[in-house]
C-alpha atoms as a PDB file:
ATOM      1  CA  MET A   1      97.599 138.856  92.409  1.00  0.00           C
ATOM      2  CA  ASP A   2     101.075 137.387  92.709  1.00  0.00           C
ATOM      3  CA  ARG A   3     101.512 133.715  91.944  1.00  0.00           C
ATOM      4  CA  ILE A   4     103.476 131.434  94.187  1.00  0.00           C
ATOM      5  CA  PRO A   5     106.423 129.967  92.251  1.00  0.00           C
ATOM      6  CA  LEU A   6     106.379 126.208  91.871  1.00  0.00           C
ATOM      7  CA  VAL A   7     109.203 124.087  93.223  1.00  0.00           C
ATOM      8  CA  PRO A   8     111.309 122.809  90.322  1.00  0.00           C
ATOM      9  CA  ALA A   9     110.679 119.153  89.502  1.00  0.00           C
ATOM     10  CA  ALA A  10     114.373 118.367  89.863  1.00  0.00           C
ATOM     11  CA  THR A  11     114.332 119.508  93.506  1.00  0.00           C
ATOM     12  CA  ALA A  12     111.245 117.455  94.322  1.00  0.00           C
ATOM     13  CA  ALA A  13     112.697 114.403  92.585  1.00  0.00           C
ATOM     14  CA  GLN A  14     115.912 114.664  94.612  1.00  0.00           C
ATOM     15  CA  GLU A  15     114.015 114.790  97.921  1.00  0.00           C
ATOM     16  CA  GLN A  16     111.591 111.925  97.322  1.00  0.00           C
ATOM     17  CA  PRO A  17     112.203 110.148  94.031  1.00  0.00           C
ATOM     18  CA  GLY A  18     109.406 107.611  94.405  1.00  0.00           C
ATOM     19  CA  MET A  19     106.749 110.128  95.390  1.00  0.00           C
ATOM     20  CA  ALA A  20     107.881 112.641  92.771  1.00  0.00           C
ATOM     21  CA  ARG A  21     107.622 109.982  90.091  1.00  0.00           C
ATOM     22  CA  ALA A  22     104.186 108.883  91.320  1.00  0.00           C
ATOM     23  CA  ALA A  23     102.988 112.489  91.386  1.00  0.00           C
ATOM     24  CA  GLN A  24     104.249 112.998  87.868  1.00  0.00           C
ATOM     25  CA  MET A  25     102.462 109.865  86.697  1.00  0.00           C
ATOM     26  CA  LEU A  26      99.193 110.974  88.265  1.00  0.00           C
ATOM     27  CA  ALA A  27      99.407 114.549  87.040  1.00  0.00           C
ATOM     28  CA  ARG A  28     100.588 113.965  83.470  1.00  0.00           C
ATOM     29  CA  PRO A  29     100.592 110.326  82.384  1.00  0.00           C
ATOM     30  CA  ASP A  30     100.703 111.335  78.707  1.00  0.00           C
ATOM     31  CA  SER A  31     104.060 113.084  79.183  1.00  0.00           C
ATOM     32  CA  LEU A  32     105.568 109.841  80.481  1.00  0.00           C
ATOM     33  CA  MET A  33     104.493 107.957  77.376  1.00  0.00           C
ATOM     34  CA  ALA A  34     105.984 110.661  75.165  1.00  0.00           C
ATOM     35  CA  GLY A  35     109.310 110.444  76.974  1.00  0.00           C
ATOM     36  CA  GLY A  36     108.929 113.810  78.733  1.00  0.00           C
ATOM     37  CA  SER A  37     110.145 112.426  82.027  1.00  0.00           C
ATOM     38  CA  ALA A  38     113.280 113.812  83.625  1.00  0.00           C
ATOM     39  CA  ALA A  39     113.465 110.889  86.066  1.00  0.00           C
ATOM     40  CA  PRO A  40     115.169 107.668  85.032  1.00  0.00           C
ATOM     41  CA  ALA A  41     112.967 104.823  83.880  1.00  0.00           C
ATOM     42  CA  THR A  42     112.154 102.435  86.705  1.00  0.00           C
ATOM     43  CA  GLY A  43     110.941  99.520  84.624  1.00  0.00           C
ATOM     44  CA  SER A  44     107.355  98.991  85.750  1.00  0.00           C
ATOM     45  CA  PHE A  45     104.436 100.529  87.536  1.00  0.00           C
ATOM     46  CA  SER A  46     104.907  98.140  90.442  1.00  0.00           C
ATOM     47  CA  ASN A  47     108.467  99.456  90.942  1.00  0.00           C
ATOM     48  CA  VAL A  48     107.112 103.008  91.072  1.00  0.00           C
ATOM     49  CA  LEU A  49     104.555 101.999  93.693  1.00  0.00           C
ATOM     50  CA  VAL A  50     107.154 100.166  95.758  1.00  0.00           C
ATOM     51  CA  ASP A  51     109.429 103.234  95.626  1.00  0.00           C
ATOM     52  CA  ALA A  52     106.530 105.451  96.690  1.00  0.00           C
ATOM     53  CA  ILE A  53     105.620 103.210  99.609  1.00  0.00           C
ATOM     54  CA  GLN A  54     109.255 103.016 100.740  1.00  0.00           C
ATOM     55  CA  SER A  55     109.553 106.799 100.494  1.00  0.00           C
ATOM     56  CA  VAL A  56     106.475 107.264 102.690  1.00  0.00           C
ATOM     57  CA  HIS A  57     107.841 104.726 105.172  1.00  0.00           C
ATOM     58  CA  ARG A  58     111.191 106.558 105.346  1.00  0.00           C
ATOM     59  CA  ALA A  59     109.446 109.899 105.912  1.00  0.00           C
ATOM     60  CA  GLN A  60     107.303 108.432 108.687  1.00  0.00           C
ATOM     61  CA  SER A  61     110.299 106.741 110.321  1.00  0.00           C
ATOM     62  CA  GLU A  62     112.306 109.978 110.231  1.00  0.00           C
ATOM     63  CA  ALA A  63     109.405 111.929 111.731  1.00  0.00           C
ATOM     64  CA  THR A  64     109.006 109.345 114.498  1.00  0.00           C
ATOM     65  CA  ALA A  65     112.732 109.434 115.290  1.00  0.00           C
ATOM     66  CA  LEU A  66     112.697 113.237 115.474  1.00  0.00           C
ATOM     67  CA  GLN A  67     109.629 113.165 117.723  1.00  0.00           C
ATOM     68  CA  LYS A  68     111.300 110.764 120.129  1.00  0.00           C
ATOM     69  CA  ALA A  69     114.533 112.764 120.144  1.00  0.00           C
ATOM     70  CA  TYR A  70     112.658 116.004 120.821  1.00  0.00           C
ATOM     71  CA  GLN A  71     110.603 114.425 123.604  1.00  0.00           C
ATOM     72  CA  GLN A  72     113.777 113.103 125.231  1.00  0.00           C
ATOM     73  CA  GLY A  73     115.252 116.598 125.241  1.00  0.00           C
ATOM     74  CA  ASP A  74     117.939 116.232 122.559  1.00  0.00           C
ATOM     75  CA  PRO A  75     119.399 119.757 122.183  1.00  0.00           C
ATOM     76  CA  GLU A  76     120.219 119.191 118.497  1.00  0.00           C
ATOM     77  CA  VAL A  77     116.578 118.517 117.544  1.00  0.00           C
ATOM     78  CA  GLY A  78     114.353 121.558 117.308  1.00  0.00           C
ATOM     79  CA  LEU A  79     110.614 121.812 117.343  1.00  0.00           C
ATOM     80  CA  GLU A  80     110.646 123.308 113.839  1.00  0.00           C
ATOM     81  CA  ALA A  81     112.489 120.361 112.293  1.00  0.00           C
ATOM     82  CA  THR A  82     110.211 117.924 114.107  1.00  0.00           C
ATOM     83  CA  MET A  83     107.032 119.638 112.914  1.00  0.00           C
ATOM     84  CA  ILE A  84     108.314 119.899 109.335  1.00  0.00           C
ATOM     85  CA  ALA A  85     109.175 116.187 109.280  1.00  0.00           C
ATOM     86  CA  MET A  86     105.768 115.302 110.710  1.00  0.00           C
ATOM     87  CA  ASN A  87     103.977 117.394 108.082  1.00  0.00           C
ATOM     88  CA  GLN A  88     106.077 115.940 105.272  1.00  0.00           C
ATOM     89  CA  ALA A  89     105.255 112.418 106.443  1.00  0.00           C
ATOM     90  CA  SER A  90     101.575 113.274 106.686  1.00  0.00           C
ATOM     91  CA  LEU A  91     101.454 114.844 103.225  1.00  0.00           C
ATOM     92  CA  SER A  92     103.343 111.983 101.611  1.00  0.00           C
ATOM     93  CA  PHE A  93     100.933 109.488 103.192  1.00  0.00           C
ATOM     94  CA  GLN A  94      97.931 111.494 101.994  1.00  0.00           C
ATOM     95  CA  MET A  95      99.361 111.587  98.486  1.00  0.00           C
ATOM     96  CA  LEU A  96      99.924 107.835  98.522  1.00  0.00           C
ATOM     97  CA  ALA A  97      96.346 107.305  99.691  1.00  0.00           C
ATOM     98  CA  GLN A  98      95.060 109.492  96.833  1.00  0.00           C
ATOM     99  CA  ALA A  99      97.166 107.547  94.339  1.00  0.00           C
ATOM    100  CA  ARG A 100      95.673 104.325  95.683  1.00  0.00           C
ATOM    101  CA  ASN A 101      92.168 105.777  95.377  1.00  0.00           C
ATOM    102  CA  ARG A 102      92.785 106.742  91.751  1.00  0.00           C
ATOM    103  CA  VAL A 103      94.142 103.315  90.876  1.00  0.00           C
ATOM    104  CA  ILE A 104      91.140 101.623  92.489  1.00  0.00           C
ATOM    105  CA  ALA A 105      88.725 103.972  90.713  1.00  0.00           C
ATOM    106  CA  ALA A 106      90.395 103.251  87.363  1.00  0.00           C
ATOM    107  CA  TYR A 107      90.252  99.503  88.036  1.00  0.00           C
ATOM    108  CA  ASN A 108      86.563  99.696  88.945  1.00  0.00           C
ATOM    109  CA  GLU A 109      85.815 101.732  85.833  1.00  0.00           C
ATOM    110  CA  ILE A 110      87.571  99.172  83.633  1.00  0.00           C
ATOM    111  CA  MET A 111      85.801  96.267  85.335  1.00  0.00           C
ATOM    112  CA  ASN A 112      82.403  97.935  84.802  1.00  0.00           C
ATOM    113  CA  MET A 113      82.916  98.383  81.060  1.00  0.00           C
ATOM    114  CA  PRO A 114      80.651  96.258  78.891  1.00  0.00           C
ATOM    115  CA  VAL A 115      82.431  93.601  76.886  1.00  0.00           C
END
């Protein structure tokens, strides 16, 4: 069976730097500690989360703008571009929600540890 090639990390980081960094942190946190990151250091985990949230907000705003333009009959906005933007916004929001769930689960696990 043929394997689907993965999108290079550099391409994903250029499109959505905050989400790419958050995905990298969730997938391979040990590589970040070892300095295996291709993305520039952001300083703190809170900065990464803020970047991720802003990236999701931008994707949702772009999708909303394309939806409105398409509904108003703008000839330069196609259905394909609108649907792609909507799916990107949806996927980025789902990824952010999963990141939140993992952070909460880790917090709960730490809080339930015996002292």
